[in-house]
Structure formats: C-alpha cells, structure tokens
Amino acid sequence: MATIDLSEKTFHETLTGNDIVLVDFWAAWCGPCRMFAPTFSKASETHADVVFAKVDTEAEPGLSAAARITSIPTLMAFRGGIHVFSQPGAMNATGLEQLITGIKELDMDQVRATVAANPAS
C-alpha cells in the first residue's frame, strides 16, 4: 500500500476508520525527512494492514500545531484511534519494523483501560 497524504479534513476520519495508522509529519526542506521517506514508503509496501500517512507541516500548519509538532520528522502511531506512540527524528528500517511489530502486539483492552483511567493523558 502506498502512503497517503492527510489534511485537517481527513486526519480524524483516517485515524478512526483504520486499525493501525502511522503518520509521518514532514516538510520538503527537511533533510532528515527526505532521508526517512524511502524507509517509510518501503514499509508501507510490506504492511498492507497498516495505513501509512504523511502530513506536510508546511501545507497543514493547523494540523501540525494541533498535534504539537515541534520537530520534524515526527512519527506518530495510532491504534484503534488511540495515540500510542510519538517520536521525533528519523528512524531506520529496523527500528520502524520493531515499532510496527510492537504496535500490532499491543493489548488494546489494556490500552483502553489505561486511557479510561487517565482521561487527561
């Protein structure tokens, strides 16, 4: 599956309409973003069960601000519409594969219970 571009209009629907969504916040002028892009794209071809999405921080400043992006690239992961991971900085292929495996193995009943117990988090 190829990566998709997200906007303020499509962000929420994409997160809630898919089980696992990885979001790469990036910008064209960002060297580390350009270095990470092929790794992210290649992983999208391997994991058809995961939505790989990109947010251009220059084109979507409101969305970037709402996500509290202060450094790019930043990779966020959502499972069942719940934010489960966020990390600034480019990731290598091995790290990305480990992250995807970890997200797939999450006990979502436990995650939902934790979120319910800590609604401010």
C-alpha atoms as a PDB file:
ATOM      1  CA  MET A   1       0.000   0.000   0.000  1.00  0.00           C
ATOM      2  CA  ALA A   2       1.347   3.426  -0.863  1.00  0.00           C
ATOM      3  CA  THR A   3       1.443   6.299   1.589  1.00  0.00           C
ATOM      4  CA  ILE A   4      -1.448   8.751   1.684  1.00  0.00           C
ATOM      5  CA  ASP A   5      -1.446  12.472   2.374  1.00  0.00           C
ATOM      6  CA  LEU A   6      -3.520  13.711   5.294  1.00  0.00           C
ATOM      7  CA  SER A   7      -5.117  17.099   5.801  1.00  0.00           C
ATOM      8  CA  GLU A   8      -7.165  18.616   8.607  1.00  0.00           C
ATOM      9  CA  LYS A   9     -10.258  17.343   6.769  1.00  0.00           C
ATOM     10  CA  THR A  10      -9.090  13.715   6.500  1.00  0.00           C
ATOM     11  CA  PHE A  11      -6.998  13.261   9.653  1.00  0.00           C
ATOM     12  CA  HIS A  12      -9.687  12.246  12.171  1.00  0.00           C
ATOM     13  CA  GLU A  13     -11.580  10.032   9.731  1.00  0.00           C
ATOM     14  CA  THR A  14      -8.372   8.203   8.778  1.00  0.00           C
ATOM     15  CA  LEU A  15      -7.433   7.582  12.416  1.00  0.00           C
ATOM     16  CA  THR A  16     -10.850   6.343  13.468  1.00  0.00           C
ATOM     17  CA  GLY A  17     -11.595   4.397  10.282  1.00  0.00           C
ATOM     18  CA  ASN A  18      -8.491   2.191  10.385  1.00  0.00           C
ATOM     19  CA  ASP A  19      -6.971  -0.113  12.980  1.00  0.00           C
ATOM     20  CA  ILE A  20      -3.323   0.992  12.722  1.00  0.00           C
ATOM     21  CA  VAL A  21      -2.208   4.316  11.281  1.00  0.00           C
ATOM     22  CA  LEU A  22       1.365   5.609  11.169  1.00  0.00           C
ATOM     23  CA  VAL A  23       1.684   9.335  10.494  1.00  0.00           C
ATOM     24  CA  ASP A  24       4.909  10.954   9.320  1.00  0.00           C
ATOM     25  CA  PHE A  25       4.973  14.726   9.922  1.00  0.00           C
ATOM     26  CA  TRP A  26       7.498  16.162   7.462  1.00  0.00           C
ATOM     27  CA  ALA A  27       8.474  19.106   5.241  1.00  0.00           C
ATOM     28  CA  ALA A  28      10.142  19.261   1.834  1.00  0.00           C
ATOM     29  CA  TRP A  29      13.043  21.404   3.102  1.00  0.00           C
ATOM     30  CA  CYS A  30      13.890  18.927   5.909  1.00  0.00           C
ATOM     31  CA  GLY A  31      16.926  16.736   5.124  1.00  0.00           C
ATOM     32  CA  PRO A  32      16.161  14.044   7.743  1.00  0.00           C
ATOM     33  CA  CYS A  33      12.568  13.947   6.452  1.00  0.00           C
ATOM     34  CA  ARG A  34      13.790  13.233   2.928  1.00  0.00           C
ATOM     35  CA  MET A  35      16.139  10.534   4.280  1.00  0.00           C
ATOM     36  CA  PHE A  36      13.297   8.832   6.207  1.00  0.00           C
ATOM     37  CA  ALA A  37      10.767   8.969   3.337  1.00  0.00           C
ATOM     38  CA  PRO A  38      12.075   5.901   1.414  1.00  0.00           C
ATOM     39  CA  THR A  39      12.141   3.817   4.628  1.00  0.00           C
ATOM     40  CA  PHE A  40       8.553   4.809   5.417  1.00  0.00           C
ATOM     41  CA  SER A  41       7.431   4.147   1.832  1.00  0.00           C
ATOM     42  CA  LYS A  42       9.108   0.735   1.685  1.00  0.00           C
ATOM     43  CA  ALA A  43       7.468  -0.322   4.973  1.00  0.00           C
ATOM     44  CA  SER A  44       4.089   0.665   3.503  1.00  0.00           C
ATOM     45  CA  GLU A  45       4.610  -1.933   0.772  1.00  0.00           C
ATOM     46  CA  THR A  46       5.280  -4.663   3.348  1.00  0.00           C
ATOM     47  CA  HIS A  47       2.428  -3.953   5.764  1.00  0.00           C
ATOM     48  CA  ALA A  48      -0.845  -3.837   3.852  1.00  0.00           C
ATOM     49  CA  ASP A  49      -2.753  -3.942   7.153  1.00  0.00           C
ATOM     50  CA  VAL A  50      -1.277  -0.588   8.255  1.00  0.00           C
ATOM     51  CA  VAL A  51      -2.160   2.844   6.869  1.00  0.00           C
ATOM     52  CA  PHE A  52       0.984   4.889   6.207  1.00  0.00           C
ATOM     53  CA  ALA A  53       0.110   8.574   6.092  1.00  0.00           C
ATOM     54  CA  LYS A  54       2.072  11.781   5.697  1.00  0.00           C
ATOM     55  CA  VAL A  55       1.349  15.308   6.877  1.00  0.00           C
ATOM     56  CA  ASP A  56       3.224  18.121   5.164  1.00  0.00           C
ATOM     57  CA  THR A  57       3.778  20.519   8.067  1.00  0.00           C
ATOM     58  CA  GLU A  58       4.132  23.464   5.674  1.00  0.00           C
ATOM     59  CA  ALA A  59       0.813  22.755   3.942  1.00  0.00           C
ATOM     60  CA  GLU A  60      -1.013  21.813   7.156  1.00  0.00           C
ATOM     61  CA  PRO A  61       0.230  24.188   9.893  1.00  0.00           C
ATOM     62  CA  GLY A  62      -3.031  23.942  11.848  1.00  0.00           C
ATOM     63  CA  LEU A  63      -2.873  20.166  11.953  1.00  0.00           C
ATOM     64  CA  SER A  64       0.796  20.267  12.918  1.00  0.00           C
ATOM     65  CA  ALA A  65       0.034  22.707  15.731  1.00  0.00           C
ATOM     66  CA  ALA A  66      -2.879  20.591  16.969  1.00  0.00           C
ATOM     67  CA  ALA A  67      -0.564  17.545  17.038  1.00  0.00           C
ATOM     68  CA  ARG A  68       2.020  19.637  18.936  1.00  0.00           C
ATOM     69  CA  ILE A  69       4.728  19.000  16.368  1.00  0.00           C
ATOM     70  CA  THR A  70       7.878  20.883  17.379  1.00  0.00           C
ATOM     71  CA  SER A  71      10.466  18.861  15.464  1.00  0.00           C
ATOM     72  CA  ILE A  72      10.394  17.044  12.156  1.00  0.00           C
ATOM     73  CA  PRO A  73      10.298  14.387  11.111  1.00  0.00           C
ATOM     74  CA  THR A  74       7.974  13.192  13.843  1.00  0.00           C
ATOM     75  CA  LEU A  75       6.384   9.767  13.596  1.00  0.00           C
ATOM     76  CA  MET A  76       3.092   9.131  15.380  1.00  0.00           C
ATOM     77  CA  ALA A  77       1.231   5.855  15.650  1.00  0.00           C
ATOM     78  CA  PHE A  78      -2.436   5.302  16.339  1.00  0.00           C
ATOM     79  CA  ARG A  79      -4.220   2.034  17.021  1.00  0.00           C
ATOM     80  CA  GLY A  80      -7.985   1.922  17.179  1.00  0.00           C
ATOM     81  CA  GLY A  81      -7.992   5.707  17.022  1.00  0.00           C
ATOM     82  CA  ILE A  82      -5.808   5.954  20.153  1.00  0.00           C
ATOM     83  CA  HIS A  83      -2.447   7.711  20.046  1.00  0.00           C
ATOM     84  CA  VAL A  84       0.024   5.024  21.162  1.00  0.00           C
ATOM     85  CA  PHE A  85       3.426   6.341  20.025  1.00  0.00           C
ATOM     86  CA  SER A  86       5.223   9.538  19.095  1.00  0.00           C
ATOM     87  CA  GLN A  87       8.900  10.167  18.374  1.00  0.00           C
ATOM     88  CA  PRO A  88      10.743  12.988  16.665  1.00  0.00           C
ATOM     89  CA  GLY A  89      13.704  12.142  14.441  1.00  0.00           C
ATOM     90  CA  ALA A  90      14.279   9.832  11.515  1.00  0.00           C
ATOM     91  CA  MET A  91      14.035   6.105  12.206  1.00  0.00           C
ATOM     92  CA  ASN A  92      15.977   3.359  10.452  1.00  0.00           C
ATOM     93  CA  ALA A  93      14.244   0.389   8.794  1.00  0.00           C
ATOM     94  CA  THR A  94      14.946  -1.986  11.687  1.00  0.00           C
ATOM     95  CA  GLY A  95      13.553   0.447  14.229  1.00  0.00           C
ATOM     96  CA  LEU A  96      10.450   1.043  12.131  1.00  0.00           C
ATOM     97  CA  GLU A  97       9.839  -2.707  11.778  1.00  0.00           C
ATOM     98  CA  GLN A  98      10.220  -3.161  15.552  1.00  0.00           C
ATOM     99  CA  LEU A  99       7.780  -0.323  16.146  1.00  0.00           C
ATOM    100  CA  ILE A 100       5.192  -1.789  13.773  1.00  0.00           C
ATOM    101  CA  THR A 101       5.513  -5.215  15.405  1.00  0.00           C
ATOM    102  CA  GLY A 102       5.120  -3.667  18.849  1.00  0.00           C
ATOM    103  CA  ILE A 103       2.003  -1.759  17.823  1.00  0.00           C
ATOM    104  CA  LYS A 104       0.455  -4.881  16.311  1.00  0.00           C
ATOM    105  CA  GLU A 105       1.145  -6.777  19.549  1.00  0.00           C
ATOM    106  CA  LEU A 106      -0.383  -4.166  21.860  1.00  0.00           C
ATOM    107  CA  ASP A 107      -3.065  -5.417  24.235  1.00  0.00           C
ATOM    108  CA  MET A 108      -5.712  -2.898  23.220  1.00  0.00           C
ATOM    109  CA  ASP A 109      -8.034  -3.837  26.094  1.00  0.00           C
ATOM    110  CA  GLN A 110      -5.246  -2.757  28.449  1.00  0.00           C
ATOM    111  CA  VAL A 111      -4.568   0.398  26.417  1.00  0.00           C
ATOM    112  CA  ARG A 112      -8.257   1.366  26.501  1.00  0.00           C
ATOM    113  CA  ALA A 113      -8.405   0.688  30.259  1.00  0.00           C
ATOM    114  CA  THR A 114      -5.350   2.896  30.800  1.00  0.00           C
ATOM    115  CA  VAL A 115      -6.859   5.682  28.693  1.00  0.00           C
ATOM    116  CA  ALA A 116     -10.171   5.412  30.575  1.00  0.00           C
ATOM    117  CA  ALA A 117      -8.343   5.618  33.915  1.00  0.00           C
ATOM    118  CA  ASN A 118      -6.294   8.638  32.763  1.00  0.00           C
ATOM    119  CA  PRO A 119      -8.573  10.743  30.537  1.00  0.00           C
ATOM    120  CA  ALA A 120      -6.178  13.733  30.600  1.00  0.00           C
ATOM    121  CA  SER A 121      -3.337  11.737  29.006  1.00  0.00           C
END
